[in-house]
Structures are given as C-alpha cells and as structure tokens.
Amino acid sequence: MDAGAEDRERWVLDPLVGVGPLRFGMTPEQVSASLGGEVPAEHRTYHPFPAGTPWETQGDPTEERLTEERFEGAGVRAHYRGWEEGNGPLLTAVTVLGRTGPQVLLGGIPLIGRQLTAVEADITRYITDNDLGLRFVCRGDLEVYGLGVWVRSARVGDTTVSEARIGAEQWEEE
C-alpha cells in the first residue's frame, strides 16, 4: 500500500447500495451533508438541449444538468443521473480517489491507493473464489461484474495507484 494508506479513513462498501456515508439515490444536498457539509470544489454539468443543434427544440437550451461533483476533502467524486426519469440529479456512482480517498475494502481487499497490479491480482482471486464475473471496460478498468465495482488507476507523479468507482445497479461505466 502507499505510505499513507494506514492513515486513511475506512469506508464500508455495500455493493449496489453505497459506500461509506453515501447511499445511491441521494440528492446533491444530501451528499454534501453526509460528507460533513463539505462544499464541492468543482461541478460538472451539461446542456441536454444546446442552442444551434437539432435538440434545442426538445427543451430549454439554457438548462444545465449536474453530472459530477468533486469533494477534495473527502477524496471522492459524486456522479449523478436521474434526469431521464424526471427525478433531477441523484447519486448513482462514487469514485474514491486513489491519492486522497478513504480506504474501501471488498471482501477484505483494500481497493484504494495500492499498486494497480496487486489489486488486480487480489480481485482476480476474489472473483475466482466467489464464482463472480470479470469484465474490462473501454478504458481498461477491471469490473467485478454484478457488484458495481470498478478498479481504476490514478496518476501520482511518475507512477499510478489504484482507485475505485462504486456504482448503483443502473450505473453503466463508459
């Protein structure tokens, strides 16, 4: 593990339900409150009906939809969906950052801040021992199929460490 791994806060993973204090289906306000009132350092939005496109007649061209918030203090990114169902932004996935995020365990395997090849070897054994599926998504991330867990990499200087994206059942990694 990385040098500060033992000092990290530990969060419990509840596959397809949530991680740590975060539960899928929370509003952005509930996410912030669950993270001790932390204000997101960054927001990402998109315009579903941009002016000058064929879609502008299908809605308000000035409408912005929240898709992601970055919480630097907690070491996580919150990912939102739900607009399509008319619910507004609801938490659908959480990325636990490899450099700064809390430690998350899957079946006793630490997922955050480790050498990527070590995590992948542990996950492969876990999948084999528990008769689970394994998939690789477009960017090469390893997915524990059916549990909403993706092992990803994060750059730290000239090397990389592991991080994880934890998703609800309806989350689809792109």
Protein backbone atom coordinates (compact mmCIF):
# COMPACT_ATOMS: atom_id res chain seq x y z
CA MET A 1 0.00 0.00 0.00
CA ASP A 2 1.01 3.60 -0.32
CA ALA A 3 2.82 5.35 2.51
CA GLY A 4 -0.32 6.95 3.96
CA ALA A 5 -2.72 4.06 3.38
CA GLU A 6 -2.88 3.06 7.03
CA ASP A 7 -3.85 6.63 7.98
CA ARG A 8 -6.84 6.75 5.64
CA GLU A 9 -10.38 6.78 6.93
CA ARG A 10 -12.09 3.42 6.24
CA TRP A 11 -15.43 3.22 4.50
CA VAL A 12 -17.70 0.19 4.33
CA LEU A 13 -18.72 -0.93 0.84
CA ASP A 14 -22.30 -2.08 0.37
CA PRO A 15 -22.34 -3.22 -3.30
CA LEU A 16 -25.05 -1.59 -5.45
CA VAL A 17 -26.29 0.38 -2.39
CA GLY A 18 -23.48 2.78 -1.47
CA VAL A 19 -20.10 3.31 0.14
CA GLY A 20 -19.26 4.92 3.47
CA PRO A 21 -21.88 7.54 4.37
CA LEU A 22 -23.07 7.83 0.75
CA ARG A 23 -26.16 5.96 -0.49
CA PHE A 24 -27.27 5.81 -4.10
CA GLY A 25 -30.34 7.93 -4.74
CA MET A 26 -29.17 10.85 -2.54
CA THR A 27 -29.61 14.41 -3.77
CA PRO A 28 -26.53 16.67 -4.07
CA GLU A 29 -27.56 18.38 -0.83
CA GLN A 30 -27.73 15.04 0.99
CA VAL A 31 -24.32 14.04 -0.39
CA SER A 32 -22.76 17.27 0.89
CA ALA A 33 -24.41 16.85 4.30
CA SER A 34 -23.18 13.23 4.52
CA LEU A 35 -19.65 14.48 3.89
CA GLY A 36 -19.79 16.81 6.88
CA GLY A 37 -21.21 19.74 4.91
CA GLU A 38 -18.24 19.88 2.55
CA VAL A 39 -18.85 22.16 -0.40
CA PRO A 40 -17.81 20.62 -3.72
CA ALA A 41 -14.61 22.07 -5.18
CA GLU A 42 -15.84 21.51 -8.72
CA HIS A 43 -19.10 20.82 -10.57
CA ARG A 44 -19.57 19.31 -13.99
CA THR A 45 -22.75 19.91 -15.94
CA TYR A 46 -24.03 19.53 -19.45
CA HIS A 47 -26.67 21.17 -21.64
CA PRO A 48 -29.04 18.48 -22.95
CA PHE A 49 -30.69 20.84 -25.45
CA PRO A 50 -27.84 23.07 -26.74
CA ALA A 51 -28.75 26.06 -28.87
CA GLY A 52 -27.92 25.63 -32.52
CA THR A 53 -28.47 21.85 -32.50
CA PRO A 54 -31.41 19.71 -33.58
CA TRP A 55 -32.15 19.09 -29.87
CA GLU A 56 -32.76 22.74 -28.93
CA THR A 57 -36.46 22.40 -29.78
CA GLN A 58 -36.85 19.48 -27.34
CA GLY A 59 -36.27 21.57 -24.21
CA ASP A 60 -34.75 24.70 -22.74
CA PRO A 61 -31.38 25.45 -24.43
CA THR A 62 -30.16 27.23 -21.26
CA GLU A 63 -30.86 24.24 -18.99
CA GLU A 64 -27.84 22.76 -17.23
CA ARG A 65 -27.82 19.33 -15.62
CA LEU A 66 -25.43 18.35 -12.85
CA THR A 67 -23.44 15.20 -13.61
CA GLU A 68 -20.48 15.29 -11.20
CA GLU A 69 -19.18 16.99 -8.06
CA ARG A 70 -15.65 16.73 -6.70
CA PHE A 71 -15.15 16.72 -2.92
CA GLU A 72 -11.45 17.32 -2.30
CA GLY A 73 -11.57 16.98 1.50
CA ALA A 74 -13.36 13.63 1.39
CA GLY A 75 -11.31 12.38 -1.59
CA VAL A 76 -14.35 11.44 -3.68
CA ARG A 77 -16.28 12.38 -6.79
CA ALA A 78 -20.06 12.08 -6.77
CA HIS A 79 -21.70 11.12 -10.08
CA TYR A 80 -25.35 11.94 -10.75
CA ARG A 81 -28.08 10.71 -13.06
CA GLY A 82 -31.83 10.65 -12.81
CA TRP A 83 -32.79 13.45 -15.16
CA GLU A 84 -34.11 10.98 -17.71
CA GLU A 85 -36.66 9.71 -15.18
CA GLY A 86 -37.62 13.26 -14.19
CA ASN A 87 -36.01 12.98 -10.75
CA GLY A 88 -33.24 15.54 -11.11
CA PRO A 89 -29.68 14.72 -10.07
CA LEU A 90 -29.48 11.63 -7.87
CA LEU A 91 -26.27 9.96 -6.71
CA THR A 92 -25.62 6.96 -8.93
CA ALA A 93 -21.89 6.35 -8.52
CA VAL A 94 -18.93 7.41 -6.37
CA THR A 95 -15.28 7.50 -7.40
CA VAL A 96 -12.98 7.04 -4.40
CA LEU A 97 -9.77 8.83 -5.37
CA GLY A 98 -6.54 6.86 -5.23
CA ARG A 99 -4.37 9.67 -3.87
CA THR A 100 -6.66 11.10 -1.20
CA GLY A 101 -9.77 8.97 -0.76
CA PRO A 102 -10.76 6.75 2.14
CA GLN A 103 -9.83 3.07 2.11
CA VAL A 104 -12.59 0.80 0.81
CA LEU A 105 -12.47 -2.97 1.26
CA LEU A 106 -14.09 -5.56 -0.99
CA GLY A 107 -14.04 -8.96 0.69
CA GLY A 108 -11.07 -7.82 2.79
CA ILE A 109 -9.19 -6.47 -0.26
CA PRO A 110 -8.07 -2.83 0.08
CA LEU A 111 -9.01 -1.13 -3.19
CA ILE A 112 -7.56 2.37 -2.75
CA GLY A 113 -4.02 3.74 -3.05
CA ARG A 114 -2.24 0.49 -3.91
CA GLN A 115 -0.17 -0.75 -6.81
CA LEU A 116 -2.70 -1.50 -9.54
CA THR A 117 -1.28 -4.91 -10.45
CA ALA A 118 -1.52 -6.04 -6.80
CA VAL A 119 -5.18 -5.01 -6.57
CA GLU A 120 -5.96 -6.69 -9.89
CA ALA A 121 -4.33 -9.95 -8.72
CA ASP A 122 -6.31 -9.84 -5.45
CA ILE A 123 -9.55 -9.11 -7.31
CA THR A 124 -8.94 -11.94 -9.78
CA ARG A 125 -8.54 -14.37 -6.86
CA TYR A 126 -11.66 -12.94 -5.18
CA ILE A 127 -13.70 -13.38 -8.37
CA THR A 128 -12.49 -16.97 -8.80
CA ASP A 129 -13.10 -17.87 -5.13
CA ASN A 130 -16.62 -16.39 -5.17
CA ASP A 131 -17.69 -17.54 -8.66
CA LEU A 132 -18.21 -13.97 -9.87
CA GLY A 133 -17.71 -12.41 -13.29
CA LEU A 134 -14.97 -10.12 -14.53
CA ARG A 135 -15.17 -7.53 -17.30
CA PHE A 136 -12.88 -4.89 -18.70
CA VAL A 137 -14.49 -1.62 -19.79
CA CYS A 138 -13.35 0.66 -22.62
CA ARG A 139 -10.60 2.48 -20.76
CA GLY A 140 -9.19 -0.83 -19.45
CA ASP A 141 -10.69 -0.71 -15.96
CA LEU A 142 -11.44 -4.01 -14.30
CA GLU A 143 -15.07 -4.54 -13.24
CA VAL A 144 -16.29 -7.00 -10.63
CA TYR A 145 -19.34 -7.87 -12.68
CA GLY A 146 -22.67 -7.58 -10.90
CA LEU A 147 -21.31 -5.77 -7.82
CA GLY A 148 -20.98 -2.27 -9.27
CA VAL A 149 -17.24 -2.09 -8.51
CA TRP A 150 -14.62 -0.88 -10.99
CA VAL A 151 -10.89 -0.77 -10.20
CA ARG A 152 -9.27 2.20 -11.88
CA SER A 153 -5.86 3.87 -11.95
CA ALA A 154 -4.83 7.36 -10.90
CA ARG A 155 -1.56 9.10 -11.71
CA VAL A 156 0.67 10.05 -8.82
CA GLY A 157 3.77 11.71 -10.23
CA ASP A 158 5.53 9.17 -12.45
CA THR A 159 3.54 6.20 -11.19
CA THR A 160 -0.07 5.12 -10.68
CA VAL A 161 -2.15 3.91 -7.75
CA SER A 162 -5.50 2.21 -7.57
CA GLU A 163 -8.81 3.95 -7.09
CA ALA A 164 -12.34 2.62 -7.38
CA ARG A 165 -15.67 3.60 -8.82
CA ILE A 166 -18.64 2.20 -6.94
CA GLY A 167 -21.96 2.29 -8.78
CA ALA A 168 -25.64 1.62 -8.34
CA GLU A 169 -27.26 -1.15 -10.35
CA GLN A 170 -28.31 1.28 -13.10
CA TRP A 171 -24.80 2.79 -13.41
CA GLU A 172 -23.07 1.89 -16.65
CA GLU A 173 -19.35 2.60 -16.93
CA GLU A 174 -18.40 4.30 -20.17
